[in-house]
N, C-alpha and C. Protein backbone atom coordinates (compact mmCIF):
# COMPACT_ATOMS: atom_id res chain seq x y z
N CYS A 1 -70.10 77.71 4.75
CA CYS A 1 -69.45 77.53 5.94
C CYS A 1 -68.75 78.76 6.81
N GLY A 2 -68.83 79.47 6.06
CA GLY A 2 -67.86 80.96 6.65
C GLY A 2 -66.55 81.21 6.76
N GLY A 3 -66.34 81.30 8.47
CA GLY A 3 -64.70 81.06 8.58
C GLY A 3 -64.48 79.93 8.85
N ALA A 4 -65.17 79.10 8.99
CA ALA A 4 -64.51 77.81 9.38
C ALA A 4 -63.87 77.36 7.98
N CYS A 5 -63.86 77.19 7.27
CA CYS A 5 -63.70 76.66 5.71
C CYS A 5 -62.35 78.02 5.54
N ALA A 6 -62.28 79.05 6.01
CA ALA A 6 -61.33 80.14 5.75
C ALA A 6 -60.27 79.61 6.57
N THR A 7 -60.49 79.13 7.35
CA THR A 7 -59.25 78.30 8.31
C THR A 7 -58.52 77.72 8.55
N TYR A 8 -59.62 76.93 7.44
CA TYR A 8 -59.15 75.25 7.82
C TYR A 8 -58.03 75.43 5.92
N ALA A 9 -58.74 75.96 5.02
CA ALA A 9 -58.15 76.39 4.26
C ALA A 9 -56.51 76.97 4.70
N GLN A 10 -56.39 77.11 5.55
CA GLN A 10 -54.70 77.91 5.32
C GLN A 10 -54.34 77.42 6.98
N GLU A 11 -55.09 75.86 6.75
CA GLU A 11 -54.48 75.70 8.21
C GLU A 11 -52.66 75.55 7.39
N LYS A 12 -51.98 74.30 8.56
CA LYS A 12 -50.49 74.45 8.02
C LYS A 12 -50.33 73.23 7.70
N THR A 13 -49.15 72.81 7.42
CA THR A 13 -49.06 71.05 6.77
C THR A 13 -47.92 70.69 6.37
N THR A 14 -47.64 69.50 6.82
CA THR A 14 -46.46 68.75 6.97
C THR A 14 -46.13 68.62 4.86
N THR A 15 -44.79 68.79 4.41
CA THR A 15 -44.67 68.23 3.30
C THR A 15 -45.49 67.96 2.77
N ALA A 16 -45.92 66.19 2.81
CA ALA A 16 -47.23 65.49 2.18
C ALA A 16 -48.28 66.26 2.54
N GLY A 17 -48.40 67.44 3.09
CA GLY A 17 -50.11 67.80 3.07
C GLY A 17 -50.94 67.41 4.22
N VAL A 18 -50.38 66.57 5.40
CA VAL A 18 -51.18 66.43 6.40
C VAL A 18 -50.67 67.06 7.39
N PRO A 19 -52.17 67.97 7.50
CA PRO A 19 -52.28 69.29 8.79
C PRO A 19 -51.47 68.46 10.21
N VAL A 20 -51.37 69.71 10.76
CA VAL A 20 -50.46 69.52 11.87
C VAL A 20 -51.07 70.38 13.24
N VAL A 21 -50.32 69.63 14.07
CA VAL A 21 -50.96 70.97 15.08
C VAL A 21 -50.14 71.14 16.07
N LYS A 22 -49.97 71.97 16.43
CA LYS A 22 -48.98 73.12 17.53
C LYS A 22 -49.45 72.93 18.70
N LEU A 23 -47.97 71.28 19.23
CA LEU A 23 -48.84 71.45 20.35
C LEU A 23 -47.48 72.72 21.56
N ASN A 24 -47.71 72.53 22.47
CA ASN A 24 -47.27 73.54 23.80
C ASN A 24 -46.45 74.51 23.70
N ASN A 25 -45.26 72.83 23.39
CA ASN A 25 -43.79 73.74 23.41
C ASN A 25 -43.20 74.42 22.32
N GLY A 26 -44.53 74.46 20.92
CA GLY A 26 -44.01 74.78 19.76
C GLY A 26 -43.67 74.08 18.87
N VAL A 27 -44.30 73.33 19.70
CA VAL A 27 -43.67 71.67 17.92
C VAL A 27 -44.37 71.33 17.19
N GLU A 28 -44.67 71.12 15.75
CA GLU A 28 -45.96 71.09 15.50
C GLU A 28 -45.77 69.10 14.73
N MET A 29 -46.86 68.39 15.49
CA MET A 29 -47.51 67.49 15.13
C MET A 29 -48.01 66.86 14.26
N PRO A 30 -48.19 66.05 13.15
CA PRO A 30 -49.23 65.14 12.29
C PRO A 30 -50.31 65.03 12.56
N ARG A 31 -51.38 65.63 12.46
CA ARG A 31 -52.57 65.33 12.90
C ARG A 31 -53.34 64.08 13.17
N PHE A 32 -52.66 63.34 11.77
CA PHE A 32 -53.51 62.00 11.85
C PHE A 32 -52.35 61.06 11.79
N GLY A 33 -51.88 59.88 11.64
CA GLY A 33 -51.45 58.81 11.35
C GLY A 33 -51.58 57.27 11.05
N ILE A 34 -50.50 56.89 11.52
CA ILE A 34 -51.32 54.92 11.49
C ILE A 34 -50.95 54.57 12.96
N GLY A 35 -52.00 53.82 13.48
CA GLY A 35 -51.53 53.01 14.56
C GLY A 35 -50.64 51.87 14.08
N THR A 36 -49.69 51.12 14.73
CA THR A 36 -49.50 49.59 15.26
C THR A 36 -50.23 48.60 16.16
N PHE A 37 -51.42 49.08 16.44
CA PHE A 37 -50.93 48.07 17.60
C PHE A 37 -52.29 46.68 17.44
N LEU A 38 -52.10 45.21 16.91
CA LEU A 38 -52.37 44.07 16.88
C LEU A 38 -51.89 44.06 15.42
N GLN A 39 -50.52 44.40 14.68
CA GLN A 39 -50.48 43.97 14.15
C GLN A 39 -49.73 42.80 14.04
N PRO A 40 -50.25 41.72 13.17
CA PRO A 40 -50.22 40.75 13.40
C PRO A 40 -48.88 40.05 13.32
N SER A 41 -47.43 41.09 12.83
CA SER A 41 -46.68 40.46 12.77
C SER A 41 -44.94 41.63 12.75
N ASP A 42 -44.04 41.09 12.33
CA ASP A 42 -43.35 42.52 12.92
C ASP A 42 -43.36 42.96 11.53
N GLU A 43 -43.13 41.85 10.40
CA GLU A 43 -43.00 42.55 8.54
C GLU A 43 -44.59 43.01 8.59
N VAL A 44 -45.43 42.16 9.00
CA VAL A 44 -46.75 43.35 7.85
C VAL A 44 -46.88 44.49 9.20
N CYS A 45 -46.45 44.57 10.43
CA CYS A 45 -46.17 46.02 10.70
C CYS A 45 -45.38 46.97 9.60
N GLU A 46 -44.27 46.59 9.32
CA GLU A 46 -43.38 47.12 8.53
C GLU A 46 -43.88 47.52 6.93
N GLN A 47 -44.75 46.67 6.56
CA GLN A 47 -45.43 46.67 5.29
C GLN A 47 -46.77 47.76 5.01
N SER A 48 -47.50 47.78 6.30
CA SER A 48 -48.36 49.02 6.44
C SER A 48 -47.45 50.55 6.63
N CYS A 49 -46.70 50.35 7.96
CA CYS A 49 -46.49 51.89 7.92
C CYS A 49 -45.46 52.35 6.52
N LEU A 50 -44.95 51.48 5.17
CA LEU A 50 -44.73 51.43 3.92
C LEU A 50 -45.78 51.75 3.60
N THR A 51 -46.87 51.43 3.11
CA THR A 51 -48.34 51.64 2.43
C THR A 51 -48.57 53.33 3.06
N ALA A 52 -48.64 53.54 4.69
CA ALA A 52 -49.07 54.23 5.22
C ALA A 52 -48.10 55.92 4.33
N LEU A 53 -47.18 55.50 4.17
CA LEU A 53 -45.94 56.51 4.99
C LEU A 53 -45.85 56.71 2.57
N LYS A 54 -46.16 55.39 2.18
CA LYS A 54 -46.18 56.19 0.54
C LYS A 54 -47.79 57.06 0.26
N ALA A 55 -48.59 56.74 0.94
CA ALA A 55 -50.09 57.85 0.82
C ALA A 55 -50.18 58.80 1.20
N GLY A 56 -49.41 59.29 2.25
CA GLY A 56 -48.54 60.95 3.03
C GLY A 56 -49.10 60.77 4.42
N TYR A 57 -49.01 59.61 5.30
CA TYR A 57 -49.07 59.67 6.49
C TYR A 57 -47.92 60.19 6.87
N ARG A 58 -47.81 61.02 8.57
CA ARG A 58 -46.03 61.16 8.48
C ARG A 58 -46.36 61.23 9.66
N HIS A 59 -47.26 59.84 9.89
CA HIS A 59 -47.47 60.05 11.90
C HIS A 59 -47.33 58.00 12.21
N ILE A 60 -46.01 57.55 12.82
CA ILE A 60 -46.54 56.50 13.36
C ILE A 60 -46.67 56.57 14.94
N ASP A 61 -46.91 55.31 15.03
CA ASP A 61 -47.93 55.74 16.40
C ASP A 61 -47.25 53.90 16.84
N THR A 62 -46.01 53.52 17.96
CA THR A 62 -46.01 51.83 17.84
C THR A 62 -45.92 52.83 19.67
N ALA A 63 -44.78 50.92 20.34
CA ALA A 63 -44.47 50.93 21.86
C ALA A 63 -44.07 49.19 21.11
N HIS A 64 -43.34 49.72 22.78
CA HIS A 64 -42.37 48.36 23.11
C HIS A 64 -43.70 46.87 23.24
N ALA A 65 -44.85 47.43 23.67
CA ALA A 65 -45.19 46.38 23.68
C ALA A 65 -45.89 45.85 22.85
N TYR A 66 -45.91 46.30 21.73
CA TYR A 66 -46.79 45.79 20.44
C TYR A 66 -45.85 45.05 19.64
N GLN A 67 -44.85 45.03 20.22
CA GLN A 67 -43.74 43.90 19.45
C GLN A 67 -43.25 44.34 17.80
N ASP A 68 -43.46 45.66 17.98
CA ASP A 68 -43.03 45.26 15.94
C ASP A 68 -42.56 46.66 15.86
N GLU A 69 -42.07 47.31 16.68
CA GLU A 69 -40.72 48.70 16.75
C GLU A 69 -39.47 47.95 15.83
N ALA A 70 -39.31 47.36 15.10
CA ALA A 70 -38.59 47.10 14.75
C ALA A 70 -39.12 47.08 13.34
N GLY A 71 -40.07 46.80 13.14
CA GLY A 71 -41.22 46.60 11.29
C GLY A 71 -41.10 48.27 11.30
N VAL A 72 -40.71 49.45 12.10
CA VAL A 72 -42.00 50.59 12.16
C VAL A 72 -39.91 51.60 11.73
N GLY A 73 -39.28 50.87 12.35
CA GLY A 73 -38.14 51.43 11.79
C GLY A 73 -37.33 51.15 10.24
N ARG A 74 -37.93 49.99 10.36
CA ARG A 74 -37.44 49.29 8.61
C ARG A 74 -37.83 49.93 7.38
N ALA A 75 -39.84 50.65 7.94
CA ALA A 75 -40.37 51.48 7.11
C ALA A 75 -39.83 52.49 7.08
N VAL A 76 -39.05 53.44 8.47
CA VAL A 76 -38.69 54.15 8.26
C VAL A 76 -37.81 54.76 7.15
N LYS A 77 -37.08 53.60 6.97
CA LYS A 77 -35.70 53.54 6.63
C LYS A 77 -35.94 54.13 5.24
N GLU A 78 -36.32 52.40 5.05
CA GLU A 78 -37.14 51.91 3.26
C GLU A 78 -37.85 53.02 2.99
N SER A 79 -38.56 53.97 2.96
CA SER A 79 -39.36 54.94 2.71
C SER A 79 -38.49 55.70 2.00
N GLY A 80 -37.70 56.66 2.75
CA GLY A 80 -36.54 57.13 1.66
C GLY A 80 -37.04 58.40 1.92
N ILE A 81 -38.21 58.63 2.91
CA ILE A 81 -38.54 60.13 3.39
C ILE A 81 -37.57 60.71 4.69
N PRO A 82 -37.00 61.58 4.47
CA PRO A 82 -36.60 61.79 5.13
C PRO A 82 -36.86 62.19 6.95
N ARG A 83 -35.83 61.18 7.99
CA ARG A 83 -36.60 61.19 9.21
C ARG A 83 -37.48 62.45 9.36
N GLU A 84 -36.70 63.56 9.80
CA GLU A 84 -37.47 64.93 10.20
C GLU A 84 -38.62 64.88 9.60
N GLU A 85 -39.27 64.19 8.23
CA GLU A 85 -40.23 65.06 7.93
C GLU A 85 -41.71 63.43 8.65
N ILE A 86 -41.16 62.56 8.86
CA ILE A 86 -41.63 61.44 10.24
C ILE A 86 -41.77 61.67 11.74
N TRP A 87 -43.28 61.65 12.17
CA TRP A 87 -43.10 61.92 13.41
C TRP A 87 -43.43 60.53 13.71
N ILE A 88 -42.64 60.31 15.49
CA ILE A 88 -42.53 58.83 15.72
C ILE A 88 -43.39 58.40 16.98
N THR A 89 -44.14 58.34 17.85
CA THR A 89 -44.73 58.55 18.94
C THR A 89 -44.53 56.80 19.29
N SER A 90 -44.22 56.61 20.87
CA SER A 90 -44.17 55.34 20.65
C SER A 90 -44.35 56.11 22.88
N LYS A 91 -44.27 54.62 23.43
CA LYS A 91 -44.85 54.82 25.21
C LYS A 91 -43.63 53.52 25.80
N LEU A 92 -43.59 53.78 27.14
CA LEU A 92 -43.04 53.20 27.99
C LEU A 92 -43.69 51.88 28.53
N TRP A 93 -43.67 50.94 28.94
CA TRP A 93 -44.07 49.81 30.27
C TRP A 93 -44.13 50.47 31.14
N PRO A 94 -45.18 49.81 31.91
CA PRO A 94 -44.19 50.51 33.60
C PRO A 94 -43.23 49.71 34.15
N THR A 95 -43.41 48.15 33.78
CA THR A 95 -42.04 47.31 34.12
C THR A 95 -41.07 47.91 33.55
N GLU A 96 -40.60 49.21 32.78
CA GLU A 96 -39.50 50.14 32.35
C GLU A 96 -39.41 51.09 33.12
N TYR A 97 -39.54 51.55 33.83
CA TYR A 97 -40.00 52.32 34.93
C TYR A 97 -39.33 52.33 35.81
N GLY A 98 -38.15 52.92 36.18
CA GLY A 98 -37.29 53.64 37.28
C GLY A 98 -36.19 53.64 37.26
N GLU A 99 -35.19 53.67 38.43
CA GLU A 99 -33.92 54.33 38.42
C GLU A 99 -33.14 53.70 38.04
N GLY A 100 -32.04 53.64 37.00
CA GLY A 100 -31.36 52.30 36.18
C GLY A 100 -31.67 51.55 35.31
N LYS A 101 -33.86 52.06 34.91
CA LYS A 101 -34.33 51.55 34.36
C LYS A 101 -35.04 51.68 32.70
N THR A 102 -35.32 53.15 33.31
CA THR A 102 -35.69 54.07 31.95
C THR A 102 -35.37 54.43 30.99
N LEU A 103 -33.97 54.38 31.55
CA LEU A 103 -32.51 54.82 29.94
C LEU A 103 -32.36 54.02 28.85
N LYS A 104 -32.21 52.76 30.12
CA LYS A 104 -32.19 51.52 29.23
C LYS A 104 -32.99 51.77 28.43
N ALA A 105 -34.37 51.33 29.09
CA ALA A 105 -34.85 51.41 27.90
C ALA A 105 -35.58 52.15 26.87
N ILE A 106 -35.20 53.78 26.91
CA ILE A 106 -35.27 54.51 25.96
C ILE A 106 -34.53 54.05 25.05
N ASP A 107 -33.27 53.85 25.69
CA ASP A 107 -32.08 53.60 24.26
C ASP A 107 -32.13 52.34 23.87
N ALA A 108 -33.00 50.81 24.08
CA ALA A 108 -33.47 50.01 23.71
C ALA A 108 -34.30 49.57 22.76
N MET A 109 -34.97 50.99 22.59
CA MET A 109 -36.35 51.24 21.75
C MET A 109 -35.17 51.71 20.67
N LEU A 110 -34.82 53.07 20.77
CA LEU A 110 -33.95 53.39 19.31
C LEU A 110 -33.35 52.56 19.25
N GLU A 111 -33.03 51.42 19.50
CA GLU A 111 -31.99 50.48 18.75
C GLU A 111 -33.36 49.43 18.69
N ARG A 112 -33.87 49.18 18.99
CA ARG A 112 -35.03 48.13 18.46
C ARG A 112 -35.83 49.21 16.29
N MET A 113 -35.92 50.30 16.71
CA MET A 113 -35.90 50.38 15.62
C MET A 113 -34.46 51.45 14.51
N GLN A 114 -33.90 51.59 14.89
CA GLN A 114 -32.94 52.11 13.96
C GLN A 114 -32.40 53.25 14.23
N LEU A 115 -33.32 54.16 14.81
CA LEU A 115 -33.61 55.67 14.99
C LEU A 115 -33.05 56.59 16.05
N ASP A 116 -32.30 57.74 15.97
CA ASP A 116 -31.76 58.31 16.58
C ASP A 116 -32.57 58.70 17.75
N TYR A 117 -33.80 59.76 17.66
CA TYR A 117 -35.16 59.25 18.21
C TYR A 117 -36.00 59.37 18.34
N ILE A 118 -36.29 60.03 19.50
CA ILE A 118 -38.34 59.54 19.03
C ILE A 118 -38.27 61.08 19.28
N ASP A 119 -40.08 61.10 18.46
CA ASP A 119 -40.57 62.52 19.28
C ASP A 119 -41.38 62.51 20.24
N LEU A 120 -42.38 61.62 20.39
CA LEU A 120 -43.23 61.68 21.55
C LEU A 120 -43.13 60.29 22.12
N LEU A 121 -42.49 60.74 23.22
CA LEU A 121 -42.81 59.90 24.09
C LEU A 121 -43.71 59.58 25.61
N PHE A 122 -44.46 58.62 25.09
CA PHE A 122 -45.86 58.29 26.53
C PHE A 122 -45.51 57.70 27.74
N GLU A 123 -45.59 57.27 28.67
CA GLU A 123 -45.51 56.94 29.49
C GLU A 123 -46.41 56.51 30.72
N GLY A 124 -47.57 55.47 30.72
CA GLY A 124 -48.38 55.04 30.80
C GLY A 124 -48.44 54.34 31.91
N ASN A 125 -49.71 54.15 33.07
CA ASN A 125 -50.50 53.75 33.63
C ASN A 125 -48.73 54.11 35.03
N VAL A 126 -48.34 55.51 35.19
CA VAL A 126 -48.26 55.42 36.42
C VAL A 126 -48.80 55.54 36.90
N LEU A 127 -48.55 54.44 38.49
CA LEU A 127 -49.11 54.56 39.88
C LEU A 127 -48.81 54.79 41.04
N LEU A 128 -47.98 54.81 41.15
CA LEU A 128 -47.33 55.37 42.29
C LEU A 128 -46.65 56.59 42.14
N VAL A 129 -46.83 57.22 43.00
CA VAL A 129 -45.90 58.97 42.76
C VAL A 129 -44.60 59.25 43.23
N GLY A 130 -43.82 58.04 43.90
CA GLY A 130 -42.62 58.19 43.29
C GLY A 130 -42.52 57.33 42.81
N SER A 131 -43.19 55.93 41.58
CA SER A 131 -42.30 55.41 40.56
C SER A 131 -42.55 56.83 39.96
N MET A 132 -43.91 57.88 39.68
CA MET A 132 -43.67 58.88 38.76
C MET A 132 -42.35 59.49 38.62
N LEU A 133 -42.37 60.45 39.81
CA LEU A 133 -41.06 61.49 40.64
C LEU A 133 -39.85 61.02 39.28
N ILE A 134 -39.49 59.55 39.62
CA ILE A 134 -38.61 58.54 39.44
C ILE A 134 -38.00 58.94 38.27
N LEU A 135 -40.05 58.52 37.30
CA LEU A 135 -39.56 58.28 35.67
C LEU A 135 -39.39 59.36 35.13
N THR A 136 -39.98 60.65 35.85
CA THR A 136 -39.85 62.02 35.88
C THR A 136 -38.71 62.26 35.07
N ALA A 137 -37.98 62.57 36.76
CA ALA A 137 -35.74 62.74 36.61
C ALA A 137 -35.81 61.99 35.72
N ALA A 138 -35.50 60.82 35.52
CA ALA A 138 -35.19 59.61 34.77
C ALA A 138 -35.37 60.41 33.10
N LEU A 139 -36.60 60.60 32.85
CA LEU A 139 -36.74 61.68 31.15
C LEU A 139 -35.71 63.22 31.30
N LEU A 140 -36.25 63.46 31.95
CA LEU A 140 -35.56 64.70 32.03
C LEU A 140 -34.26 64.63 31.62
N LEU A 141 -33.68 63.71 32.48
CA LEU A 141 -31.86 63.25 32.29
C LEU A 141 -32.09 63.19 30.29
N TRP A 142 -32.88 62.12 30.44
CA TRP A 142 -32.51 61.54 29.06
C TRP A 142 -33.05 63.14 28.20
N GLN A 143 -33.53 64.00 28.36
CA GLN A 143 -34.09 64.65 27.21
C GLN A 143 -33.19 65.86 27.09
N ASP A 144 -32.99 65.73 28.05
CA ASP A 144 -30.70 67.04 27.71
C ASP A 144 -30.16 66.40 27.51
N LYS A 145 -29.96 64.79 26.75
CA LYS A 145 -29.14 63.97 26.04
C LYS A 145 -29.17 64.01 24.92
N ASN A 146 -30.70 63.41 24.79
CA ASN A 146 -31.17 63.54 23.26
C ASN A 146 -32.24 63.89 23.16
N ALA A 147 -32.63 65.11 23.50
CA ALA A 147 -34.08 65.75 22.82
C ALA A 147 -35.27 65.32 22.04
N PRO A 148 -35.92 64.23 22.98
CA PRO A 148 -37.27 64.01 21.77
C PRO A 148 -38.04 65.09 22.35
N ARG A 149 -38.86 65.23 20.86
CA ARG A 149 -39.47 66.92 21.08
C ARG A 149 -40.76 66.94 21.81
N TYR A 150 -41.49 65.98 22.78
CA TYR A 150 -41.98 66.23 23.07
C TYR A 150 -42.24 65.15 24.43
N ILE A 151 -41.95 65.17 25.69
CA ILE A 151 -43.05 64.09 26.71
C ILE A 151 -44.01 64.22 27.32
N HIS A 152 -44.70 63.00 27.54
CA HIS A 152 -45.98 62.97 28.20
C HIS A 152 -45.71 62.15 29.14
N ILE A 153 -46.25 62.37 30.41
CA ILE A 153 -46.76 61.44 31.05
C ILE A 153 -48.74 61.47 31.51
N TYR A 154 -48.58 60.47 30.89
CA TYR A 154 -49.92 60.32 31.34
C TYR A 154 -50.83 58.96 32.06
N ASP A 155 -51.98 59.17 33.09
CA ASP A 155 -52.53 57.42 33.63
C ASP A 155 -53.32 56.96 32.67
N ASN A 156 -54.60 55.82 33.60
CA ASN A 156 -55.78 55.47 33.23
C ASN A 156 -56.17 56.34 33.26
N GLU A 157 -56.40 57.85 33.67
CA GLU A 157 -57.97 58.19 34.10
C GLU A 157 -57.79 59.37 33.54
N GLU A 158 -56.48 59.68 32.10
CA GLU A 158 -56.60 60.71 30.84
C GLU A 158 -57.84 60.03 30.22
């Protein structure tokens, strides 16, 4: 297999052995994780996340629109794994964009999960340039205050 095997054999991993990728800001993110979309209930989501964490997963992808953030937060706490070893990705919905809305939406997200921070926050479906500028400004203010590891703005074209 040549050099490719040697590269993967030396690949950096989390404490649970999950390979990581280094983002452009230098932060390392676990390469694979569990997504919580279409979980039938918050309780099922909690159990799914706990099972995944016990199996070695260290990345959970959720969103306000999935209506399972509380289950994610409970699983993180119940797992006994230090929070800094678990990567949480979440997303804002377009109705949460705008002056006076975005920061409140992020604070509400953290409250639902009972967590102090989110590692990666996506904002999707940014259709209007003005909305995107307001959203970006609000997120940069929030980033200064709460220091998420990475913010990414995407749209349906990505």
